[in-house]
Structure formats: C-alpha cells, structure tokens
Amino acid sequence: SGGAPGSASGSSREPPAARRNLLVLGAAVAAAAVLGGFLLNRKPNTPVKDVTPVTAAPVAAHDALLEDDLARAAAAFAQRKWVPPPGANAVDWYRQALNRNPNDPRAARGIEKVIDALLSDAEAQLLAQHLDEAQRLTDLARTIKPDHVRVAFLQAQIGKERERAVLSQARQAAANGNIEQALAVLDGANHGTQPSNLVNEARQELEQKQLNT
C-alpha cells in the first residue's frame, strides 16, 4: 500500500520533454507576435523609393534653353558675328546663357574668346597701319569689357601710332615750305584732347620756323 501514493503523485507530473516543448512553442508564438507588431507599426513609415522630383521637368527645360543659347553663340562666333548685329551676335547669346546659369563657365569663357578675337584682329590692323579699323575693333572690345588689360594696352599703342603719323605728315608739309598746313595738321590731331609733349615740341619748332621766314 505504500507504493500506491507514490504512483499517483508521479502520474500527476508532466514529463520534462513535454514541458520543454510547451515552453519553446510559447516563446515562438510570442516572438511572432512581437515581430508582426513591429512590421505593422513600421510599414506606414517606410519611405517610397524612386519617386521623380517635381522640379525635374523645369530643370531639364532650363538646361535645354541654356544649351540652345550656347549653340547659337558658337554659331555666331564662327560667322564672325561677334558684336553686331544687335540681338543676333555671339556676345548677346553668351550673356543670355550667363544670365540663365551664372555658374556655368562656358558662357564667361565665350565672352572672353570674343574679346580676344576682336583684339587680335585689331593688332593685325595696327601692324598694317590701318589705324581706323584697329580703333573700331578695339572700341568694340571695350564695349564688352571696358577694364580689359589688352584693351587699355592696344588703345595706347594706337594713340602712339596716330601721333607718329601726324608728326610725319606735319614734317612733310613743313619740308615743302607749307608751315601753316603743318600747324593745321598738328591742331587737327588733338581732337579736343591734351596734346603730347612730342606734338608740343613739333609745334614750337614749326612756329619758330614761321617766325624766321
């Protein structure tokens, strides 16, 4: 009779393997619930990928206009339409491109290229003693960039060549005995500006000759 109570007590306990299975199952269910709740809570906040920005179309259109301005400027430059005619020349197109995108260096480089072309032609005209044409080209470059270093230098060179030509003409007239014409040549060369030392010296020399005759 002593063994019966012990057998009843033992049958009321669950085997250890069964308990472990129940614990594992419960843990799995709990983990699944936690994971499901996390995914449900996270889903609305998931960022949407590959959405095209609203500003994409305007930027593309703006770039197209910029490229069109640069292409027109390059075509005008190739045709030597550097400054005139107004509204259809390389400088105007480059300036319009620069206004569209001040950070694009191509427009600024294009304007500098126009200035270089004008001044290179002006230098060639100066060497050929075509002073009026050299002056015209230099003036065009100055309208684009008045403080350009090459503009100031070339302007000074043209002034020296004009002065040399005037002095030569005045001396030629004096050599032919026409002192009054020589003085008139010197006076006409000033154009309302202050005469140089060379011109003043030549004038004094001619006036002295006039007194001695």
Protein backbone atom coordinates (compact mmCIF):
# COMPACT_ATOMS: atom_id res chain seq x y z
CA SER A 1 0.00 0.00 0.00
CA GLY A 2 2.94 2.28 0.48
CA GLY A 3 3.69 2.24 -3.27
CA ALA A 4 0.22 3.49 -4.40
CA PRO A 5 0.51 7.05 -3.17
CA GLY A 6 3.90 7.37 -4.81
CA SER A 7 2.49 6.14 -8.18
CA ALA A 8 -0.42 8.61 -8.10
CA SER A 9 1.90 11.52 -7.31
CA GLY A 10 4.22 10.60 -10.17
CA SER A 11 1.36 10.36 -12.74
CA SER A 12 0.26 13.97 -11.93
CA ARG A 13 3.54 15.45 -13.18
CA GLU A 14 4.21 16.25 -16.88
CA PRO A 15 7.28 14.68 -18.42
CA PRO A 16 10.26 17.09 -18.78
CA ALA A 17 10.24 16.78 -22.60
CA ALA A 18 6.63 17.92 -22.79
CA ARG A 19 7.34 20.94 -20.66
CA ARG A 20 10.22 21.93 -22.90
CA ASN A 21 8.05 21.65 -26.00
CA LEU A 22 5.40 23.87 -24.46
CA LEU A 23 7.99 26.50 -23.50
CA VAL A 24 9.51 26.52 -26.98
CA LEU A 25 6.10 26.81 -28.58
CA GLY A 26 5.10 29.67 -26.29
CA ALA A 27 8.35 31.53 -27.00
CA ALA A 28 7.88 31.11 -30.75
CA VAL A 29 4.32 32.46 -30.58
CA ALA A 30 5.46 35.46 -28.53
CA ALA A 31 8.32 36.22 -30.91
CA ALA A 32 5.99 36.00 -33.91
CA ALA A 33 3.58 38.42 -32.25
CA VAL A 34 6.33 40.91 -31.46
CA LEU A 35 7.73 40.71 -35.00
CA GLY A 36 4.29 41.11 -36.55
CA GLY A 37 3.56 44.15 -34.43
CA PHE A 38 6.91 45.69 -35.35
CA LEU A 39 6.29 45.19 -39.06
CA LEU A 40 2.76 46.58 -38.83
CA ASN A 41 3.98 49.66 -36.98
CA ARG A 42 6.92 50.20 -39.36
CA LYS A 43 5.15 49.74 -42.67
CA PRO A 44 3.44 53.19 -42.87
CA ASN A 45 6.78 54.89 -42.19
CA THR A 46 8.71 53.05 -44.92
CA PRO A 47 9.97 55.70 -47.41
CA VAL A 48 8.75 55.46 -51.00
CA LYS A 49 11.63 54.87 -53.39
CA ASP A 50 12.24 56.06 -56.94
CA VAL A 51 9.79 58.97 -56.83
CA THR A 52 10.58 61.52 -59.57
CA PRO A 53 11.13 65.04 -58.11
CA VAL A 54 8.60 67.65 -59.09
CA THR A 55 11.37 70.01 -60.25
CA ALA A 56 12.89 67.53 -62.72
CA ALA A 57 10.98 68.83 -65.75
CA PRO A 58 11.69 72.58 -65.18
CA VAL A 59 15.40 71.90 -64.64
CA ALA A 60 15.58 69.89 -67.87
CA ALA A 61 13.79 72.66 -69.76
CA HIS A 62 16.13 75.27 -68.29
CA ASP A 63 19.17 73.26 -69.32
CA ALA A 64 17.78 72.91 -72.84
CA LEU A 65 17.45 76.70 -73.14
CA LEU A 66 20.98 77.17 -71.84
CA GLU A 67 22.40 74.72 -74.36
CA ASP A 68 20.45 76.43 -77.14
CA ASP A 69 21.93 79.82 -76.19
CA LEU A 70 25.45 78.39 -76.15
CA ALA A 71 24.93 76.72 -79.53
CA ARG A 72 23.65 79.96 -81.06
CA ALA A 73 26.61 81.86 -79.60
CA ALA A 74 29.09 79.37 -81.04
CA ALA A 75 27.44 79.61 -84.47
CA ALA A 76 27.53 83.42 -84.40
CA PHE A 77 31.18 83.36 -83.35
CA ALA A 78 32.07 81.04 -86.24
CA GLN A 79 30.37 83.51 -88.62
CA ARG A 80 32.39 86.39 -87.07
CA LYS A 81 29.17 87.97 -85.76
CA TRP A 82 30.98 88.91 -82.58
CA VAL A 83 29.17 92.09 -81.54
CA PRO A 84 26.92 93.34 -84.35
CA PRO A 85 24.19 92.84 -85.34
CA PRO A 86 22.34 93.55 -82.07
CA GLY A 87 20.42 90.59 -80.67
CA ALA A 88 21.99 88.08 -83.04
CA ASN A 89 25.65 88.16 -82.12
CA ALA A 90 27.92 85.92 -80.09
CA VAL A 91 28.23 88.27 -77.11
CA ASP A 92 24.48 88.67 -76.71
CA TRP A 93 23.92 84.90 -76.80
CA TYR A 94 26.75 84.27 -74.34
CA ARG A 95 25.37 86.92 -72.00
CA GLN A 96 21.91 85.35 -72.16
CA ALA A 97 23.43 81.96 -71.32
CA LEU A 98 25.29 83.58 -68.43
CA ASN A 99 22.03 85.01 -67.09
CA ARG A 100 20.40 81.60 -67.23
CA ASN A 101 23.20 79.94 -65.28
CA PRO A 102 25.91 82.21 -63.82
CA ASN A 103 27.74 79.14 -62.50
CA ASP A 104 28.30 77.64 -65.95
CA PRO A 105 31.82 78.69 -67.01
CA ARG A 106 31.24 78.20 -70.73
CA ALA A 107 29.41 81.49 -71.21
CA ALA A 108 32.11 83.54 -69.46
CA ARG A 109 34.81 81.77 -71.46
CA GLY A 110 32.87 82.50 -74.65
CA ILE A 111 32.74 86.24 -73.92
CA GLU A 112 36.48 86.25 -73.24
CA LYS A 113 37.03 84.42 -76.53
CA VAL A 114 35.13 87.15 -78.39
CA ILE A 115 37.27 89.86 -76.78
CA ASP A 116 40.47 88.01 -77.70
CA ALA A 117 39.31 87.65 -81.30
CA LEU A 118 38.47 91.35 -81.60
CA LEU A 119 41.78 92.47 -80.12
CA SER A 120 43.80 90.02 -82.21
CA ASP A 121 42.20 91.46 -85.33
CA ALA A 122 42.83 94.97 -84.03
CA GLU A 123 46.52 94.19 -83.53
CA ALA A 124 46.76 92.88 -87.10
CA GLN A 125 45.14 96.06 -88.40
CA LEU A 126 47.52 98.17 -86.33
CA LEU A 127 50.56 96.40 -87.78
CA ALA A 128 49.16 97.07 -91.26
CA GLN A 129 48.80 100.76 -90.30
CA HIS A 130 45.02 100.60 -90.69
CA LEU A 131 44.54 102.72 -87.62
CA ASP A 132 40.84 103.49 -88.04
CA GLU A 133 39.94 99.81 -88.33
CA ALA A 134 42.18 98.96 -85.38
CA GLN A 135 40.43 101.64 -83.36
CA ARG A 136 36.98 100.35 -84.35
CA LEU A 137 37.76 96.80 -83.26
CA THR A 138 39.31 98.00 -80.01
CA ASP A 139 36.25 100.11 -79.27
CA LEU A 140 34.02 97.06 -79.79
CA ALA A 141 36.10 95.08 -77.31
CA ARG A 142 35.89 97.96 -74.85
CA THR A 143 32.09 97.95 -75.01
CA ILE A 144 32.19 94.34 -73.82
CA LYS A 145 34.73 94.82 -71.03
CA PRO A 146 35.96 98.40 -70.54
CA ASP A 147 38.62 97.50 -67.96
CA HIS A 148 40.23 94.71 -70.00
CA VAL A 149 44.04 94.93 -69.79
CA ARG A 150 44.58 94.28 -73.50
CA VAL A 151 42.05 96.96 -74.43
CA ALA A 152 43.97 99.61 -72.49
CA PHE A 153 47.32 98.47 -73.90
CA LEU A 154 46.11 98.42 -77.51
CA GLN A 155 44.42 101.78 -77.10
CA ALA A 156 47.76 103.26 -76.03
CA GLN A 157 49.54 101.65 -78.99
CA ILE A 158 47.01 103.06 -81.44
CA GLY A 159 47.44 106.51 -79.88
CA LYS A 160 51.20 106.33 -80.36
CA GLU A 161 50.84 105.27 -83.98
CA ARG A 162 48.38 108.10 -84.66
CA GLU A 163 50.78 110.58 -83.12
CA ARG A 164 53.67 109.24 -85.17
CA ALA A 165 51.61 109.52 -88.37
CA VAL A 166 50.57 113.09 -87.56
CA LEU A 167 54.10 114.18 -86.84
CA SER A 168 55.31 112.63 -90.08
CA GLN A 169 52.59 114.44 -92.05
CA ALA A 170 53.35 117.74 -90.37
CA ARG A 171 57.09 117.44 -91.05
CA GLN A 172 56.38 116.60 -94.67
CA ALA A 173 54.28 119.75 -95.07
CA ALA A 174 56.96 121.84 -93.37
CA ALA A 175 59.65 120.37 -95.64
CA ASN A 176 57.59 121.52 -98.62
CA GLY A 177 57.57 125.02 -97.15
CA ASN A 178 53.93 124.95 -96.00
CA ILE A 179 54.28 125.79 -92.31
CA GLU A 180 50.63 126.76 -91.89
CA GLN A 181 49.47 123.39 -93.21
CA ALA A 182 51.90 121.64 -90.88
CA LEU A 183 50.49 123.54 -87.90
CA ALA A 184 46.95 122.73 -89.01
CA VAL A 185 47.82 119.04 -89.12
CA LEU A 186 49.07 119.18 -85.55
CA ASP A 187 45.98 121.08 -84.39
CA GLY A 188 43.64 118.61 -86.08
CA ALA A 189 45.33 115.66 -84.41
CA ASN A 190 44.37 116.77 -80.92
CA HIS A 191 40.59 116.32 -81.30
CA GLY A 192 39.99 118.30 -78.14
CA THR A 193 42.48 116.28 -76.11
CA GLN A 194 45.62 117.45 -74.40
CA PRO A 195 48.50 117.32 -76.92
CA SER A 196 51.51 115.19 -76.04
CA ASN A 197 55.00 116.54 -75.40
CA LEU A 198 56.12 115.45 -78.86
CA VAL A 199 53.30 117.36 -80.52
CA ASN A 200 54.02 120.46 -78.42
CA GLU A 201 57.71 120.33 -79.32
CA ALA A 202 56.93 119.94 -83.00
CA ARG A 203 54.54 122.88 -82.87
CA GLN A 204 57.08 125.10 -81.15
CA GLU A 205 59.64 124.15 -83.80
CA LEU A 206 57.27 124.98 -86.63
CA GLU A 207 56.24 128.29 -85.05
CA GLN A 208 59.92 129.23 -84.74
CA LYS A 209 60.48 128.45 -88.42
CA GLN A 210 57.45 130.53 -89.29
CA LEU A 211 58.91 133.48 -87.41
CA ASN A 212 62.27 133.13 -89.14
CA THR A 213 60.81 133.14 -92.64
